[in-house]
Amino acid sequence: MKTRTKVNAELETNENFMTIDEVLYSVVEHRTFDDFGVTLESFKVVNFEGRTRVLHSDDDALTFWED
């Protein structure tokens, strides 16, 4: 089983950008899965250097984690 690593991230109001450790990332893909009242969101983001990350949230984008 993979462990979750908590990420210091904040989704901007318009959901097009995310700040991770004070670095601005652009949201290039956002997926939502809802099953039996539990929602899982996945965000694929990229920064200006081209670094790509995939973050997940299961509390309406209040906290984020990655594998």
N, C-alpha and C. Protein backbone atom coordinates (compact mmCIF):
# COMPACT_ATOMS: atom_id res chain seq x y z
N MET A 1 0.84 -1.18 0.00
CA MET A 1 0.00 0.00 0.00
C MET A 1 0.89 1.24 0.00
N LYS A 2 0.54 2.19 -0.85
CA LYS A 2 1.30 3.44 -0.92
C LYS A 2 0.91 4.34 0.24
N THR A 3 1.86 5.14 0.67
CA THR A 3 1.58 6.07 1.75
C THR A 3 1.30 7.45 1.17
N ARG A 4 0.46 8.17 1.84
CA ARG A 4 0.13 9.53 1.43
C ARG A 4 1.15 10.49 2.02
N THR A 5 1.60 11.42 1.18
CA THR A 5 2.49 12.48 1.63
C THR A 5 1.71 13.78 1.57
N LYS A 6 1.50 14.41 2.72
CA LYS A 6 0.77 15.67 2.75
C LYS A 6 1.57 16.75 2.04
N VAL A 7 0.87 17.56 1.26
CA VAL A 7 1.51 18.61 0.47
C VAL A 7 0.97 19.97 0.93
N ASN A 8 1.86 20.93 1.10
CA ASN A 8 1.47 22.28 1.46
C ASN A 8 1.01 23.00 0.19
N ALA A 9 -0.28 22.90 -0.11
CA ALA A 9 -0.82 23.46 -1.35
C ALA A 9 -2.12 24.18 -1.09
N GLU A 10 -2.39 25.15 -1.96
CA GLU A 10 -3.64 25.91 -1.88
C GLU A 10 -4.16 26.14 -3.28
N LEU A 11 -5.41 25.77 -3.51
CA LEU A 11 -6.05 25.96 -4.80
C LEU A 11 -6.59 27.39 -4.88
N GLU A 12 -6.25 28.08 -5.96
CA GLU A 12 -6.74 29.45 -6.13
C GLU A 12 -8.25 29.44 -6.36
N THR A 13 -8.90 30.55 -6.15
CA THR A 13 -10.36 30.64 -6.22
C THR A 13 -10.93 30.21 -7.57
N ASN A 14 -10.26 30.55 -8.66
CA ASN A 14 -10.79 30.22 -9.99
C ASN A 14 -10.43 28.80 -10.42
N GLU A 15 -9.70 28.05 -9.60
CA GLU A 15 -9.30 26.65 -9.83
C GLU A 15 -8.42 26.45 -11.06
N ASN A 16 -7.83 27.51 -11.60
CA ASN A 16 -6.90 27.39 -12.73
C ASN A 16 -5.45 27.34 -12.26
N PHE A 17 -5.21 27.73 -11.01
CA PHE A 17 -3.86 27.79 -10.47
C PHE A 17 -3.83 27.20 -9.06
N MET A 18 -2.66 26.71 -8.69
CA MET A 18 -2.45 26.16 -7.36
C MET A 18 -1.07 26.60 -6.89
N THR A 19 -0.97 26.97 -5.63
CA THR A 19 0.31 27.33 -5.05
C THR A 19 0.78 26.17 -4.18
N ILE A 20 1.98 25.64 -4.50
CA ILE A 20 2.56 24.54 -3.74
C ILE A 20 3.90 25.02 -3.21
N ASP A 21 4.04 25.05 -1.89
CA ASP A 21 5.26 25.54 -1.25
C ASP A 21 5.71 26.88 -1.84
N GLU A 22 4.74 27.78 -2.01
CA GLU A 22 4.94 29.14 -2.51
C GLU A 22 5.42 29.21 -3.95
N VAL A 23 5.22 28.14 -4.73
CA VAL A 23 5.53 28.12 -6.16
C VAL A 23 4.20 27.98 -6.90
N LEU A 24 3.99 28.83 -7.91
CA LEU A 24 2.74 28.82 -8.66
C LEU A 24 2.74 27.71 -9.70
N TYR A 25 1.68 26.92 -9.69
CA TYR A 25 1.48 25.85 -10.66
C TYR A 25 0.18 26.12 -11.42
N SER A 26 0.14 25.69 -12.66
CA SER A 26 -1.06 25.79 -13.48
C SER A 26 -1.76 24.44 -13.47
N VAL A 27 -3.07 24.43 -13.26
CA VAL A 27 -3.85 23.20 -13.27
C VAL A 27 -4.13 22.84 -14.72
N VAL A 28 -3.60 21.70 -15.18
CA VAL A 28 -3.80 21.28 -16.57
C VAL A 28 -4.87 20.20 -16.69
N GLU A 29 -5.20 19.54 -15.57
CA GLU A 29 -6.24 18.52 -15.59
C GLU A 29 -6.85 18.40 -14.20
N HIS A 30 -8.17 18.35 -14.14
CA HIS A 30 -8.88 18.23 -12.86
C HIS A 30 -9.94 17.15 -13.04
N ARG A 31 -9.86 16.10 -12.23
CA ARG A 31 -10.83 15.01 -12.30
C ARG A 31 -11.49 14.85 -10.94
N THR A 32 -12.79 14.53 -10.98
CA THR A 32 -13.55 14.31 -9.76
C THR A 32 -14.25 12.97 -9.85
N PHE A 33 -14.17 12.22 -8.76
CA PHE A 33 -14.85 10.94 -8.66
C PHE A 33 -15.70 10.96 -7.40
N ASP A 34 -16.99 10.71 -7.55
CA ASP A 34 -17.91 10.73 -6.42
C ASP A 34 -18.58 9.36 -6.32
N ASP A 35 -18.49 8.75 -5.14
CA ASP A 35 -19.08 7.44 -4.94
C ASP A 35 -19.59 7.33 -3.50
N PHE A 36 -20.86 7.08 -3.35
CA PHE A 36 -21.49 6.91 -2.04
C PHE A 36 -21.21 8.10 -1.12
N GLY A 37 -21.26 9.29 -1.66
CA GLY A 37 -21.11 10.50 -0.86
C GLY A 37 -19.68 10.89 -0.54
N VAL A 38 -18.71 10.16 -1.03
CA VAL A 38 -17.30 10.49 -0.82
C VAL A 38 -16.71 10.95 -2.14
N THR A 39 -16.08 12.11 -2.14
CA THR A 39 -15.52 12.67 -3.37
C THR A 39 -13.99 12.63 -3.31
N LEU A 40 -13.39 12.18 -4.41
CA LEU A 40 -11.95 12.21 -4.56
C LEU A 40 -11.64 13.09 -5.76
N GLU A 41 -10.79 14.08 -5.56
CA GLU A 41 -10.39 14.97 -6.65
C GLU A 41 -8.92 14.77 -6.94
N SER A 42 -8.57 14.80 -8.21
CA SER A 42 -7.17 14.71 -8.64
C SER A 42 -6.85 15.92 -9.50
N PHE A 43 -5.70 16.52 -9.24
CA PHE A 43 -5.25 17.69 -9.97
C PHE A 43 -3.88 17.41 -10.57
N LYS A 44 -3.78 17.51 -11.88
CA LYS A 44 -2.48 17.42 -12.55
C LYS A 44 -2.03 18.86 -12.77
N VAL A 45 -0.87 19.20 -12.22
CA VAL A 45 -0.40 20.58 -12.27
C VAL A 45 1.02 20.63 -12.84
N VAL A 46 1.38 21.78 -13.40
CA VAL A 46 2.72 21.98 -13.95
C VAL A 46 3.17 23.39 -13.60
N ASN A 47 4.47 23.54 -13.25
CA ASN A 47 4.99 24.87 -12.94
C ASN A 47 5.74 25.44 -14.14
N PHE A 48 6.31 26.62 -13.98
CA PHE A 48 6.97 27.30 -15.10
C PHE A 48 8.22 26.57 -15.58
N GLU A 49 8.81 25.72 -14.75
CA GLU A 49 9.98 24.93 -15.14
C GLU A 49 9.60 23.64 -15.87
N GLY A 50 8.30 23.33 -15.90
CA GLY A 50 7.84 22.12 -16.55
C GLY A 50 7.69 20.93 -15.62
N ARG A 51 7.88 21.13 -14.32
CA ARG A 51 7.71 20.04 -13.36
C ARG A 51 6.23 19.71 -13.23
N THR A 52 5.89 18.46 -13.41
CA THR A 52 4.50 18.00 -13.34
C THR A 52 4.29 17.20 -12.07
N ARG A 53 3.18 17.45 -11.40
CA ARG A 53 2.81 16.72 -10.19
C ARG A 53 1.33 16.37 -10.26
N VAL A 54 0.95 15.32 -9.57
CA VAL A 54 -0.45 14.94 -9.46
C VAL A 54 -0.79 14.92 -7.98
N LEU A 55 -1.73 15.79 -7.60
CA LEU A 55 -2.16 15.90 -6.21
C LEU A 55 -3.60 15.43 -6.09
N HIS A 56 -3.94 14.94 -4.90
CA HIS A 56 -5.28 14.44 -4.64
C HIS A 56 -5.85 15.13 -3.41
N SER A 57 -7.17 15.19 -3.37
CA SER A 57 -7.86 15.74 -2.21
C SER A 57 -9.14 14.94 -2.00
N ASP A 58 -9.45 14.67 -0.74
CA ASP A 58 -10.71 13.99 -0.43
C ASP A 58 -11.56 14.81 0.54
N ASP A 59 -11.27 16.12 0.60
CA ASP A 59 -12.04 17.01 1.47
C ASP A 59 -12.35 18.33 0.78
N ASP A 60 -12.80 18.25 -0.46
CA ASP A 60 -13.19 19.43 -1.25
C ASP A 60 -12.06 20.44 -1.40
N ALA A 61 -10.88 19.95 -1.67
CA ALA A 61 -9.69 20.76 -1.97
C ALA A 61 -9.24 21.65 -0.81
N LEU A 62 -9.47 21.18 0.41
CA LEU A 62 -8.97 21.91 1.58
C LEU A 62 -7.54 21.47 1.92
N THR A 63 -7.26 20.18 1.80
CA THR A 63 -5.92 19.65 2.00
C THR A 63 -5.57 18.75 0.82
N PHE A 64 -4.27 18.60 0.57
CA PHE A 64 -3.81 17.83 -0.59
C PHE A 64 -2.75 16.82 -0.17
N TRP A 65 -2.67 15.74 -0.94
CA TRP A 65 -1.64 14.72 -0.73
C TRP A 65 -1.25 14.13 -2.07
N GLU A 66 -0.08 13.49 -2.10
CA GLU A 66 0.37 12.78 -3.29
C GLU A 66 1.01 11.48 -2.88
N ASP A 67 1.10 10.55 -3.82
CA ASP A 67 1.69 9.23 -3.54
C ASP A 67 3.18 9.33 -3.40
